[in-house]
Each structure stands twice: as C-alpha cells, then as structure tokens.
Amino acid sequence: MKNLRRLTIVALLVLFVGINATAQELSVTKTESTSININELPEYVIITSENTKLFGGINIEINYKRSSYADVLEKLETLLQNRKKLRVRNQTDLLNALSKLGFEYVDAYNAKAGNISAGGGDDIEIFGGESKFRVNMVFRKKEQYRG
C-alpha cells in the first residue's frame, strides 16, 4: 500500500513536470530545421491561403521578402505547407495551427490573385488573371506572448 502511494505520487509529479515543460515552449519540433519559437516571430502575421491544390488542401503563402523576420517567416510557411508536420489542409486547420503556435485570429480580407496575365484584343485573358480565390488572414500574437 505504501509503495502504491509512492508510485502514484511519483507518476503525478512526472506528469505535472511534463505538462509544464511542454506548455512553456510553443515550438513545433519534428526536426530541428523546422523548429519555430513564438518569441522569434513578429507580433502580426498575414497568411494568404488559396484553394488550388489538386487533391484538396490549400496553398499557403507568407510574404516575407525584405522583412527583418524573413528567415523565421519562411520556416513558418514551410511548416504550415508541409502536411507531415502540422497537416494544414484547410482554413480551419490553419486557424487551429496558428492558435497552437501562440497566435489569435484578427481579420480576413480577399486578396487579388496576382497572377501574370496575357491579354489579347479586347482584354481577353489567355492565362493567369484573377480566376483564383485568395484570402489574406491576419493573426496577432496572443497577449501573453507580445513583446
């Protein structure tokens, strides 16, 4: 009986320490190259999603060019796009994945397709154009993670 009580206490301590250790770190670490820490990311992130994948799912883009956060935003984009890591296949998955990483949803607005178009005659589009539906979603760090 005494050993059972000790074993229960030790098991609860290990469980408690394990929960606290994972709750403190908001990074996804399947491999070291895709590890992202909430403190490295900017306060606001705008993610463009587009339903264009052949077998379902969404295309995710983050405009990180010329940003001081380019490296970490590129890692975030790769992490969100890779189905083996966060398995983001639709906008609901995107909202939940960003929430896990320490962000809250702020707003969404339609984005232009931004594809290259070739015109002919009376503005007839041969390819590209604005035929794709894209949505920009704005996320902000949760209050407890803001600098």
C-alpha atoms as a PDB file:
ATOM      1  CA  MET A   1       0.000   0.000   0.000  1.00  0.00           C
ATOM      2  CA  LYS A   2       2.842   2.344   0.887  1.00  0.00           C
ATOM      3  CA  ASN A   3       4.624   1.557  -2.411  1.00  0.00           C
ATOM      4  CA  LEU A   4       1.441   2.176  -4.373  1.00  0.00           C
ATOM      5  CA  ARG A   5       1.082   5.610  -2.774  1.00  0.00           C
ATOM      6  CA  ARG A   6       4.724   6.493  -3.613  1.00  0.00           C
ATOM      7  CA  LEU A   7       4.306   5.274  -7.156  1.00  0.00           C
ATOM      8  CA  THR A   8       1.161   7.379  -7.584  1.00  0.00           C
ATOM      9  CA  ILE A   9       2.881  10.496  -6.223  1.00  0.00           C
ATOM     10  CA  VAL A  10       5.926   9.987  -8.464  1.00  0.00           C
ATOM     11  CA  ALA A  11       3.686   9.412 -11.505  1.00  0.00           C
ATOM     12  CA  LEU A  12       1.727  12.600 -10.779  1.00  0.00           C
ATOM     13  CA  LEU A  13       4.956  14.597 -10.367  1.00  0.00           C
ATOM     14  CA  VAL A  14       6.319  13.309 -13.684  1.00  0.00           C
ATOM     15  CA  LEU A  15       3.012  14.115 -15.384  1.00  0.00           C
ATOM     16  CA  PHE A  16       2.911  17.608 -13.844  1.00  0.00           C
ATOM     17  CA  VAL A  17       6.514  18.411 -14.850  1.00  0.00           C
ATOM     18  CA  GLY A  18       5.896  17.063 -18.375  1.00  0.00           C
ATOM     19  CA  ILE A  19       2.801  19.219 -18.832  1.00  0.00           C
ATOM     20  CA  ASN A  20       4.597  22.351 -17.606  1.00  0.00           C
ATOM     21  CA  ALA A  21       7.607  21.702 -19.829  1.00  0.00           C
ATOM     22  CA  THR A  22       5.521  21.431 -22.997  1.00  0.00           C
ATOM     23  CA  ALA A  23       3.238  24.331 -22.069  1.00  0.00           C
ATOM     24  CA  GLN A  24       6.186  26.708 -21.730  1.00  0.00           C
ATOM     25  CA  GLU A  25       7.591  26.000 -25.195  1.00  0.00           C
ATOM     26  CA  LEU A  26       5.494  26.993 -28.185  1.00  0.00           C
ATOM     27  CA  SER A  27       7.529  25.442 -30.919  1.00  0.00           C
ATOM     28  CA  VAL A  28       6.907  22.556 -33.256  1.00  0.00           C
ATOM     29  CA  THR A  29       9.988  20.381 -33.405  1.00  0.00           C
ATOM     30  CA  LYS A  30       9.588  17.435 -35.760  1.00  0.00           C
ATOM     31  CA  THR A  31      13.098  18.200 -36.978  1.00  0.00           C
ATOM     32  CA  GLU A  32      15.469  20.879 -35.785  1.00  0.00           C
ATOM     33  CA  SER A  33      15.287  22.728 -39.124  1.00  0.00           C
ATOM     34  CA  THR A  34      11.559  23.412 -38.710  1.00  0.00           C
ATOM     35  CA  SER A  35      11.589  24.478 -35.082  1.00  0.00           C
ATOM     36  CA  ILE A  36       9.802  27.776 -34.517  1.00  0.00           C
ATOM     37  CA  ASN A  37       9.662  29.683 -31.265  1.00  0.00           C
ATOM     38  CA  ILE A  38       6.891  32.219 -30.660  1.00  0.00           C
ATOM     39  CA  ASN A  39       9.412  34.803 -29.431  1.00  0.00           C
ATOM     40  CA  GLU A  40      11.173  34.836 -32.823  1.00  0.00           C
ATOM     41  CA  LEU A  41       8.007  35.685 -34.772  1.00  0.00           C
ATOM     42  CA  PRO A  42       6.654  39.225 -35.332  1.00  0.00           C
ATOM     43  CA  GLU A  43       3.562  40.434 -33.478  1.00  0.00           C
ATOM     44  CA  TYR A  44       1.418  40.338 -36.638  1.00  0.00           C
ATOM     45  CA  VAL A  45       1.496  37.740 -39.424  1.00  0.00           C
ATOM     46  CA  ILE A  46      -0.571  37.860 -42.612  1.00  0.00           C
ATOM     47  CA  ILE A  47      -1.066  34.496 -44.290  1.00  0.00           C
ATOM     48  CA  THR A  48      -2.520  34.136 -47.773  1.00  0.00           C
ATOM     49  CA  SER A  49      -4.441  30.939 -48.426  1.00  0.00           C
ATOM     50  CA  GLU A  50      -5.757  29.682 -51.736  1.00  0.00           C
ATOM     51  CA  ASN A  51      -7.841  26.588 -52.522  1.00  0.00           C
ATOM     52  CA  THR A  52      -5.904  25.345 -55.515  1.00  0.00           C
ATOM     53  CA  LYS A  53      -4.348  22.022 -54.544  1.00  0.00           C
ATOM     54  CA  LEU A  54      -5.219  19.161 -56.885  1.00  0.00           C
ATOM     55  CA  PHE A  55      -6.247  16.661 -54.211  1.00  0.00           C
ATOM     56  CA  GLY A  56      -7.738  19.097 -51.713  1.00  0.00           C
ATOM     57  CA  GLY A  57      -5.948  21.270 -49.241  1.00  0.00           C
ATOM     58  CA  ILE A  58      -4.822  24.855 -49.543  1.00  0.00           C
ATOM     59  CA  ASN A  59      -1.772  26.682 -50.767  1.00  0.00           C
ATOM     60  CA  ILE A  60      -0.283  28.852 -48.015  1.00  0.00           C
ATOM     61  CA  GLU A  61       1.924  31.874 -48.653  1.00  0.00           C
ATOM     62  CA  ILE A  62       3.552  34.389 -46.330  1.00  0.00           C
ATOM     63  CA  ASN A  63       5.136  37.444 -47.936  1.00  0.00           C
ATOM     64  CA  TYR A  64       8.471  37.518 -46.117  1.00  0.00           C
ATOM     65  CA  LYS A  65      10.708  39.087 -48.776  1.00  0.00           C
ATOM     66  CA  ARG A  66      12.711  42.061 -47.493  1.00  0.00           C
ATOM     67  CA  SER A  67      11.309  41.532 -43.999  1.00  0.00           C
ATOM     68  CA  SER A  68      13.547  41.593 -40.947  1.00  0.00           C
ATOM     69  CA  TYR A  69      11.720  38.373 -39.976  1.00  0.00           C
ATOM     70  CA  ALA A  70      12.305  36.689 -43.362  1.00  0.00           C
ATOM     71  CA  ASP A  71      14.078  33.585 -42.020  1.00  0.00           C
ATOM     72  CA  VAL A  72      11.524  32.695 -39.361  1.00  0.00           C
ATOM     73  CA  LEU A  73       8.540  33.568 -41.584  1.00  0.00           C
ATOM     74  CA  GLU A  74       9.925  31.310 -44.314  1.00  0.00           C
ATOM     75  CA  LYS A  75      10.224  28.495 -41.738  1.00  0.00           C
ATOM     76  CA  LEU A  76       6.638  29.132 -40.629  1.00  0.00           C
ATOM     77  CA  GLU A  77       5.401  28.979 -44.227  1.00  0.00           C
ATOM     78  CA  THR A  78       7.250  25.694 -44.803  1.00  0.00           C
ATOM     79  CA  LEU A  79       5.923  24.261 -41.562  1.00  0.00           C
ATOM     80  CA  LEU A  80       2.324  25.167 -42.433  1.00  0.00           C
ATOM     81  CA  GLN A  81       2.607  23.863 -46.010  1.00  0.00           C
ATOM     82  CA  ASN A  82       4.111  20.506 -45.047  1.00  0.00           C
ATOM     83  CA  ARG A  83       1.287  18.037 -44.423  1.00  0.00           C
ATOM     84  CA  LYS A  84       3.601  15.772 -42.391  1.00  0.00           C
ATOM     85  CA  LYS A  85       4.197  18.466 -39.799  1.00  0.00           C
ATOM     86  CA  LEU A  86       1.061  20.476 -38.904  1.00  0.00           C
ATOM     87  CA  ARG A  87      -1.231  18.885 -41.503  1.00  0.00           C
ATOM     88  CA  VAL A  88      -2.873  22.152 -42.563  1.00  0.00           C
ATOM     89  CA  ARG A  89      -5.331  21.197 -45.315  1.00  0.00           C
ATOM     90  CA  ASN A  90      -7.979  23.917 -44.963  1.00  0.00           C
ATOM     91  CA  GLN A  91      -8.588  27.260 -43.275  1.00  0.00           C
ATOM     92  CA  THR A  92      -9.937  25.631 -40.119  1.00  0.00           C
ATOM     93  CA  ASP A  93      -6.650  23.734 -39.747  1.00  0.00           C
ATOM     94  CA  LEU A  94      -4.782  26.989 -40.362  1.00  0.00           C
ATOM     95  CA  LEU A  95      -6.677  28.784 -37.584  1.00  0.00           C
ATOM     96  CA  ASN A  96      -6.029  25.939 -35.147  1.00  0.00           C
ATOM     97  CA  ALA A  97      -2.344  25.595 -36.078  1.00  0.00           C
ATOM     98  CA  LEU A  98      -1.700  29.314 -35.538  1.00  0.00           C
ATOM     99  CA  SER A  99      -3.561  29.161 -32.238  1.00  0.00           C
ATOM    100  CA  LYS A 100      -1.271  26.306 -31.126  1.00  0.00           C
ATOM    101  CA  LEU A 101       1.739  28.416 -32.057  1.00  0.00           C
ATOM    102  CA  GLY A 102       0.508  31.326 -29.895  1.00  0.00           C
ATOM    103  CA  PHE A 103      -1.463  33.490 -32.338  1.00  0.00           C
ATOM    104  CA  GLU A 104      -5.056  34.646 -32.391  1.00  0.00           C
ATOM    105  CA  TYR A 105      -7.159  35.419 -35.451  1.00  0.00           C
ATOM    106  CA  VAL A 106      -7.759  39.142 -36.064  1.00  0.00           C
ATOM    107  CA  ASP A 107      -9.334  39.593 -39.505  1.00  0.00           C
ATOM    108  CA  ALA A 108      -9.548  38.278 -43.069  1.00  0.00           C
ATOM    109  CA  TYR A 109      -9.944  40.006 -46.415  1.00  0.00           C
ATOM    110  CA  ASN A 110      -9.938  38.979 -50.068  1.00  0.00           C
ATOM    111  CA  ALA A 111      -6.629  39.149 -51.879  1.00  0.00           C
ATOM    112  CA  LYS A 112      -6.033  39.641 -55.561  1.00  0.00           C
ATOM    113  CA  ALA A 113      -4.804  36.578 -57.383  1.00  0.00           C
ATOM    114  CA  GLY A 114      -1.711  38.411 -58.545  1.00  0.00           C
ATOM    115  CA  ASN A 115      -1.088  36.015 -61.419  1.00  0.00           C
ATOM    116  CA  ILE A 116       0.583  37.003 -64.654  1.00  0.00           C
ATOM    117  CA  SER A 117      -1.953  37.594 -67.398  1.00  0.00           C
ATOM    118  CA  ALA A 118      -1.539  37.916 -71.109  1.00  0.00           C
ATOM    119  CA  GLY A 119      -4.124  39.977 -72.889  1.00  0.00           C
ATOM    120  CA  GLY A 120      -5.232  39.993 -76.472  1.00  0.00           C
ATOM    121  CA  GLY A 121      -7.692  42.090 -78.416  1.00  0.00           C
ATOM    122  CA  ASP A 122     -10.344  43.428 -76.041  1.00  0.00           C
ATOM    123  CA  ASP A 123      -8.594  42.393 -72.826  1.00  0.00           C
ATOM    124  CA  ILE A 124      -9.162  38.672 -73.395  1.00  0.00           C
ATOM    125  CA  GLU A 125      -7.181  36.692 -70.826  1.00  0.00           C
ATOM    126  CA  ILE A 126      -5.188  33.827 -72.271  1.00  0.00           C
ATOM    127  CA  PHE A 127      -3.753  32.564 -68.990  1.00  0.00           C
ATOM    128  CA  GLY A 128      -3.482  33.624 -65.357  1.00  0.00           C
ATOM    129  CA  GLY A 129      -5.655  36.503 -64.310  1.00  0.00           C
ATOM    130  CA  GLU A 130      -7.757  36.730 -61.212  1.00  0.00           C
ATOM    131  CA  SER A 131      -9.537  33.408 -61.519  1.00  0.00           C
ATOM    132  CA  LYS A 132      -8.164  32.077 -58.219  1.00  0.00           C
ATOM    133  CA  PHE A 133      -9.845  32.961 -54.942  1.00  0.00           C
ATOM    134  CA  ARG A 134      -7.334  34.005 -52.293  1.00  0.00           C
ATOM    135  CA  VAL A 135      -7.870  35.127 -48.720  1.00  0.00           C
ATOM    136  CA  ASN A 136      -5.462  37.054 -46.500  1.00  0.00           C
ATOM    137  CA  MET A 137      -5.828  36.131 -42.834  1.00  0.00           C
ATOM    138  CA  VAL A 138      -4.373  38.407 -40.168  1.00  0.00           C
ATOM    139  CA  PHE A 139      -3.026  36.860 -36.973  1.00  0.00           C
ATOM    140  CA  ARG A 140      -1.633  38.569 -33.861  1.00  0.00           C
ATOM    141  CA  LYS A 141       0.372  37.080 -31.035  1.00  0.00           C
ATOM    142  CA  LYS A 142      -1.727  36.227 -28.018  1.00  0.00           C
ATOM    143  CA  GLU A 143      -1.405  38.869 -25.313  1.00  0.00           C
ATOM    144  CA  GLN A 144       0.838  36.786 -23.048  1.00  0.00           C
ATOM    145  CA  TYR A 145       3.446  36.425 -25.863  1.00  0.00           C
ATOM    146  CA  ARG A 146       3.652  40.038 -27.009  1.00  0.00           C
ATOM    147  CA  GLY A 147       6.953  41.830 -26.526  1.00  0.00           C
END
